[in-house]
Amino acid sequence: MGDVQDGLERSISAATHLTSLDDGAVAALRALASKIDNWDAVVDAAMEQAEDGKKLPVPLHDNVSIPTFLKYCEALKLTPASRGVTVGESDAKGKLAQMRLVRGGKNDAAEGTG
């Protein structure tokens, strides 16, 4: 298994919310992870065949698999954002949001006091 597949399997194992109803999406996600991890081998094989004179299309870039993989992860709630977890929020932003919550969502600039 490659890095993406390993990470995916850890995520699936940790996701207690997945049920048998998710099996199809999980299978598609696993197929995408395999494709992403093995993309270099696919390109290398196609290049070797092209060098041998076989007229096969050579895949240049795959700009679809990773965004599709991430969409599946979001649909299965395997990303922090899809679970409603704020990632990378600074302490200052967190404190400001907490203060606004205490004050009922109001800010000084909107009230004209700051």
C-alpha atoms as a PDB file:
ATOM      1  CA  MET A   1       0.000   0.000   0.000  1.00  0.00           C
ATOM      2  CA  GLY A   2       1.053   3.558  -0.619  1.00  0.00           C
ATOM      3  CA  ASP A   3       0.876   6.630   1.576  1.00  0.00           C
ATOM      4  CA  VAL A   4      -2.650   7.634   0.534  1.00  0.00           C
ATOM      5  CA  GLN A   5      -3.971   4.109   0.989  1.00  0.00           C
ATOM      6  CA  ASP A   6      -2.310   3.780   4.402  1.00  0.00           C
ATOM      7  CA  GLY A   7      -3.727   7.098   5.564  1.00  0.00           C
ATOM      8  CA  LEU A   8      -7.168   6.205   4.255  1.00  0.00           C
ATOM      9  CA  GLU A   9      -7.199   2.883   6.086  1.00  0.00           C
ATOM     10  CA  ARG A  10      -6.240   4.625   9.339  1.00  0.00           C
ATOM     11  CA  SER A  11      -9.036   7.154   8.791  1.00  0.00           C
ATOM     12  CA  ILE A  12     -11.593   4.438   8.060  1.00  0.00           C
ATOM     13  CA  SER A  13     -10.527   2.478  11.146  1.00  0.00           C
ATOM     14  CA  ALA A  14     -10.878   5.562  13.343  1.00  0.00           C
ATOM     15  CA  ALA A  15     -14.253   6.599  11.860  1.00  0.00           C
ATOM     16  CA  THR A  16     -16.823   5.121  14.201  1.00  0.00           C
ATOM     17  CA  HIS A  17     -19.723   6.692  12.285  1.00  0.00           C
ATOM     18  CA  LEU A  18     -19.311   4.604   9.109  1.00  0.00           C
ATOM     19  CA  THR A  19     -21.818   1.790   8.568  1.00  0.00           C
ATOM     20  CA  SER A  20     -22.462  -0.840   5.921  1.00  0.00           C
ATOM     21  CA  LEU A  21     -24.481   1.816   4.069  1.00  0.00           C
ATOM     22  CA  ASP A  22     -21.145   3.513   3.347  1.00  0.00           C
ATOM     23  CA  ASP A  23     -19.497   0.413   1.851  1.00  0.00           C
ATOM     24  CA  GLY A  24     -19.902   1.491  -1.778  1.00  0.00           C
ATOM     25  CA  ALA A  25     -18.435   4.936  -1.196  1.00  0.00           C
ATOM     26  CA  VAL A  26     -15.618   3.442   0.883  1.00  0.00           C
ATOM     27  CA  ALA A  27     -14.826   0.990  -1.946  1.00  0.00           C
ATOM     28  CA  ALA A  28     -14.730   3.845  -4.472  1.00  0.00           C
ATOM     29  CA  LEU A  29     -12.509   5.831  -2.114  1.00  0.00           C
ATOM     30  CA  ARG A  30     -10.139   2.867  -1.782  1.00  0.00           C
ATOM     31  CA  ALA A  31      -9.970   2.546  -5.591  1.00  0.00           C
ATOM     32  CA  LEU A  32      -9.114   6.234  -5.894  1.00  0.00           C
ATOM     33  CA  ALA A  33      -6.436   5.936  -3.206  1.00  0.00           C
ATOM     34  CA  SER A  34      -4.887   3.032  -5.097  1.00  0.00           C
ATOM     35  CA  LYS A  35      -4.952   5.003  -8.353  1.00  0.00           C
ATOM     36  CA  ILE A  36      -3.314   8.013  -6.694  1.00  0.00           C
ATOM     37  CA  ASP A  37      -0.613   5.907  -5.046  1.00  0.00           C
ATOM     38  CA  ASN A  38       0.102   3.971  -8.259  1.00  0.00           C
ATOM     39  CA  TRP A  39      -0.100   6.830 -10.778  1.00  0.00           C
ATOM     40  CA  ASP A  40       3.660   6.941 -11.374  1.00  0.00           C
ATOM     41  CA  ALA A  41       3.689   3.227 -12.263  1.00  0.00           C
ATOM     42  CA  VAL A  42       0.820   3.756 -14.728  1.00  0.00           C
ATOM     43  CA  VAL A  43       2.690   6.580 -16.453  1.00  0.00           C
ATOM     44  CA  ASP A  44       5.979   4.647 -16.487  1.00  0.00           C
ATOM     45  CA  ALA A  45       4.321   1.587 -18.058  1.00  0.00           C
ATOM     46  CA  ALA A  46       2.602   3.729 -20.693  1.00  0.00           C
ATOM     47  CA  MET A  47       5.884   5.473 -21.516  1.00  0.00           C
ATOM     48  CA  GLU A  48       7.693   2.138 -21.902  1.00  0.00           C
ATOM     49  CA  GLN A  49       4.985   0.843 -24.225  1.00  0.00           C
ATOM     50  CA  ALA A  50       5.131   4.032 -26.273  1.00  0.00           C
ATOM     51  CA  GLU A  51       8.909   3.677 -26.590  1.00  0.00           C
ATOM     52  CA  ASP A  52       8.429   0.115 -27.888  1.00  0.00           C
ATOM     53  CA  GLY A  53       6.443   1.524 -30.801  1.00  0.00           C
ATOM     54  CA  LYS A  54       3.007   0.702 -29.506  1.00  0.00           C
ATOM     55  CA  LYS A  55       0.533   3.446 -30.263  1.00  0.00           C
ATOM     56  CA  LEU A  56      -1.121   3.887 -26.912  1.00  0.00           C
ATOM     57  CA  PRO A  57      -2.125   7.178 -25.349  1.00  0.00           C
ATOM     58  CA  VAL A  58       0.362   8.311 -22.734  1.00  0.00           C
ATOM     59  CA  PRO A  59      -1.337   9.730 -19.638  1.00  0.00           C
ATOM     60  CA  LEU A  60       0.195  13.093 -18.886  1.00  0.00           C
ATOM     61  CA  HIS A  61      -1.482  14.409 -15.773  1.00  0.00           C
ATOM     62  CA  ASP A  62      -4.241  13.283 -13.480  1.00  0.00           C
ATOM     63  CA  ASN A  63      -5.886  16.409 -12.141  1.00  0.00           C
ATOM     64  CA  VAL A  64      -9.120  14.646 -11.236  1.00  0.00           C
ATOM     65  CA  SER A  65      -8.326  11.832  -8.806  1.00  0.00           C
ATOM     66  CA  ILE A  66      -7.141  13.873  -5.826  1.00  0.00           C
ATOM     67  CA  PRO A  67     -10.033  16.389  -5.879  1.00  0.00           C
ATOM     68  CA  THR A  68     -12.460  13.477  -6.322  1.00  0.00           C
ATOM     69  CA  PHE A  69     -10.780  11.619  -3.457  1.00  0.00           C
ATOM     70  CA  LEU A  70     -11.213  14.669  -1.226  1.00  0.00           C
ATOM     71  CA  LYS A  71     -14.900  14.995  -2.217  1.00  0.00           C
ATOM     72  CA  TYR A  72     -15.479  11.369  -1.199  1.00  0.00           C
ATOM     73  CA  CYS A  73     -13.629  12.011   2.079  1.00  0.00           C
ATOM     74  CA  GLU A  74     -15.898  14.998   2.738  1.00  0.00           C
ATOM     75  CA  ALA A  75     -19.017  13.002   1.875  1.00  0.00           C
ATOM     76  CA  LEU A  76     -17.967  10.323   4.347  1.00  0.00           C
ATOM     77  CA  LYS A  77     -17.057  12.934   6.973  1.00  0.00           C
ATOM     78  CA  LEU A  78     -13.395  11.914   6.971  1.00  0.00           C
ATOM     79  CA  THR A  79     -12.046  15.474   6.899  1.00  0.00           C
ATOM     80  CA  PRO A  80     -11.997  17.874   9.858  1.00  0.00           C
ATOM     81  CA  ALA A  81     -14.061  20.475   7.982  1.00  0.00           C
ATOM     82  CA  SER A  82     -16.755  17.947   7.056  1.00  0.00           C
ATOM     83  CA  ARG A  83     -17.047  17.072  10.751  1.00  0.00           C
ATOM     84  CA  GLY A  84     -17.372  20.737  11.724  1.00  0.00           C
ATOM     85  CA  VAL A  85     -13.891  20.927  13.259  1.00  0.00           C
ATOM     86  CA  THR A  86     -12.086  24.210  12.700  1.00  0.00           C
ATOM     87  CA  VAL A  87      -8.501  23.576  11.694  1.00  0.00           C
ATOM     88  CA  GLY A  88      -5.646  26.057  11.901  1.00  0.00           C
ATOM     89  CA  GLU A  89      -7.579  28.729  13.745  1.00  0.00           C
ATOM     90  CA  SER A  90      -5.187  30.891  15.711  1.00  0.00           C
ATOM     91  CA  ASP A  91      -5.594  31.375  19.447  1.00  0.00           C
ATOM     92  CA  ALA A  92      -6.412  35.038  18.851  1.00  0.00           C
ATOM     93  CA  LYS A  93      -9.248  34.179  16.489  1.00  0.00           C
ATOM     94  CA  GLY A  94     -10.507  31.550  18.906  1.00  0.00           C
ATOM     95  CA  LYS A  95     -10.474  34.011  21.796  1.00  0.00           C
ATOM     96  CA  LEU A  96     -12.216  36.659  19.698  1.00  0.00           C
ATOM     97  CA  ALA A  97     -14.934  34.201  18.703  1.00  0.00           C
ATOM     98  CA  GLN A  98     -15.310  33.143  22.326  1.00  0.00           C
ATOM     99  CA  MET A  99     -15.640  36.770  23.449  1.00  0.00           C
ATOM    100  CA  ARG A 100     -18.231  37.457  20.745  1.00  0.00           C
ATOM    101  CA  LEU A 101     -20.190  34.411  21.825  1.00  0.00           C
ATOM    102  CA  VAL A 102     -20.224  35.659  25.423  1.00  0.00           C
ATOM    103  CA  ARG A 103     -21.344  39.100  24.224  1.00  0.00           C
ATOM    104  CA  GLY A 104     -24.101  37.661  22.044  1.00  0.00           C
ATOM    105  CA  GLY A 105     -22.211  37.837  18.741  1.00  0.00           C
ATOM    106  CA  LYS A 106     -21.809  41.631  18.837  1.00  0.00           C
ATOM    107  CA  ASN A 107     -18.579  43.412  18.050  1.00  0.00           C
ATOM    108  CA  ASP A 108     -17.409  46.868  19.140  1.00  0.00           C
ATOM    109  CA  ALA A 109     -16.981  48.240  15.607  1.00  0.00           C
ATOM    110  CA  ALA A 110     -20.568  47.447  14.692  1.00  0.00           C
ATOM    111  CA  GLU A 111     -21.822  49.144  17.844  1.00  0.00           C
ATOM    112  CA  GLY A 112     -19.704  52.226  17.262  1.00  0.00           C
ATOM    113  CA  THR A 113     -17.900  51.866  20.595  1.00  0.00           C
ATOM    114  CA  GLY A 114     -14.526  50.815  19.349  1.00  0.00           C
END
